[in-house]
C-alpha atoms as a PDB file:
ATOM      1  CA  MET A   1      22.414  77.203 -50.768  1.00  0.00           C
ATOM      2  CA  ASN A   2      19.043  78.031 -48.841  1.00  0.00           C
ATOM      3  CA  GLY A   3      18.678  81.562 -47.123  1.00  0.00           C
ATOM      4  CA  MET A   4      19.505  80.138 -44.130  1.00  0.00           C
ATOM      5  CA  GLY A   5      22.553  78.862 -44.751  1.00  0.00           C
ATOM      6  CA  VAL A   6      24.016  81.765 -45.771  1.00  0.00           C
ATOM      7  CA  PHE A   7      22.729  83.434 -42.682  1.00  0.00           C
ATOM      8  CA  ASN A   8      24.397  80.534 -40.543  1.00  0.00           C
ATOM      9  CA  LYS A   9      27.887  80.982 -42.508  1.00  0.00           C
ATOM     10  CA  ILE A  10      27.266  84.743 -41.327  1.00  0.00           C
ATOM     11  CA  ALA A  11      26.680  83.632 -37.741  1.00  0.00           C
ATOM     12  CA  ASP A  12      29.740  81.084 -38.204  1.00  0.00           C
ATOM     13  CA  ALA A  13      31.698  83.646 -39.246  1.00  0.00           C
ATOM     14  CA  ILE A  14      30.964  86.287 -36.217  1.00  0.00           C
ATOM     15  CA  PHE A  15      31.903  83.667 -33.841  1.00  0.00           C
ATOM     16  CA  ASN A  16      34.903  83.154 -35.072  1.00  0.00           C
ATOM     17  CA  GLY A  17      36.037  86.532 -34.683  1.00  0.00           C
ATOM     18  CA  LYS A  18      34.908  88.559 -37.680  1.00  0.00           C
ATOM     19  CA  ALA A  19      32.271  90.365 -36.520  1.00  0.00           C
ATOM     20  CA  LYS A  20      33.936  93.954 -37.045  1.00  0.00           C
ATOM     21  CA  ASP A  21      34.765  92.427 -40.834  1.00  0.00           C
ATOM     22  CA  ILE A  22      31.063  91.672 -41.501  1.00  0.00           C
ATOM     23  CA  TYR A  23      29.727  94.532 -39.857  1.00  0.00           C
ATOM     24  CA  PRO A  24      31.943  97.239 -39.414  1.00  0.00           C
ATOM     25  CA  GLU A  25      28.849  99.668 -37.656  1.00  0.00           C
ATOM     26  CA  ASN A  26      27.424  97.186 -35.346  1.00  0.00           C
ATOM     27  CA  SER A  27      29.623  96.733 -31.392  1.00  0.00           C
ATOM     28  CA  GLU A  28      30.902  93.038 -31.087  1.00  0.00           C
ATOM     29  CA  GLU A  29      28.339  92.691 -28.603  1.00  0.00           C
ATOM     30  CA  GLU A  30      25.768  93.414 -31.095  1.00  0.00           C
ATOM     31  CA  SER A  31      27.223  91.397 -33.826  1.00  0.00           C
ATOM     32  CA  LEU A  32      27.019  88.362 -31.274  1.00  0.00           C
ATOM     33  CA  ILE A  33      23.182  88.626 -30.265  1.00  0.00           C
ATOM     34  CA  PHE A  34      22.649  88.860 -34.317  1.00  0.00           C
ATOM     35  CA  ALA A  35      24.660  85.662 -34.803  1.00  0.00           C
ATOM     36  CA  GLU A  36      22.663  83.878 -31.602  1.00  0.00           C
ATOM     37  CA  GLU A  37      18.842  84.468 -32.972  1.00  0.00           C
ATOM     38  CA  ILE A  38      20.497  83.360 -36.441  1.00  0.00           C
ATOM     39  CA  LYS A  39      21.227  80.361 -34.476  1.00  0.00           C
ATOM     40  CA  LYS A  40      17.758  80.231 -33.297  1.00  0.00           C
ATOM     41  CA  THR A  41      15.951  80.624 -36.310  1.00  0.00           C
ATOM     42  CA  VAL A  42      18.117  78.284 -37.888  1.00  0.00           C
ATOM     43  CA  LYS A  43      17.381  74.966 -35.573  1.00  0.00           C
ATOM     44  CA  ARG A  44      13.767  76.418 -35.062  1.00  0.00           C
ATOM     45  CA  ARG A  45      13.240  75.961 -38.860  1.00  0.00           C
ATOM     46  CA  VAL A  46      15.288  72.477 -39.344  1.00  0.00           C
ATOM     47  CA  ARG A  47      13.324  71.401 -36.571  1.00  0.00           C
ATOM     48  CA  ASN A  48      10.009  72.867 -37.939  1.00  0.00           C
ATOM     49  CA  ASP A  49      10.843  71.761 -41.508  1.00  0.00           C
ATOM     50  CA  SER A  50      11.453  68.200 -40.471  1.00  0.00           C
ATOM     51  CA  ASN A  51       8.828  67.621 -37.931  1.00  0.00           C
ATOM     52  CA  SER A  52       6.136  69.085 -40.887  1.00  0.00           C
ATOM     53  CA  ASN A  53       4.759  65.573 -42.658  1.00  0.00           C
ATOM     54  CA  LYS A  54       1.871  68.280 -44.453  1.00  0.00           C
ATOM     55  CA  LYS A  55       2.517  70.193 -47.169  1.00  0.00           C
ATOM     56  CA  PRO A  56       0.877  73.580 -47.181  1.00  0.00           C
ATOM     57  CA  TYR A  57      -1.017  73.228 -49.928  1.00  0.00           C
ATOM     58  CA  LYS A  58      -3.493  70.727 -51.858  1.00  0.00           C
ATOM     59  CA  GLU A  59      -1.990  69.061 -54.724  1.00  0.00           C
ATOM     60  CA  ILE A  60      -4.542  68.575 -57.625  1.00  0.00           C
END
């Protein structure tokens, strides 16, 4: 599982009411904001990965 997959699972857990179990030092509102940002980032990364046919390096 890649790093984004781990964050996606954390976001899912927060949305399923486990915010205090995961980040007890944060308010539930802060955790929900964090989870929302994770989901946005995951969607953006998936969209960018699927739209990118170019390799970021030159093959030799």
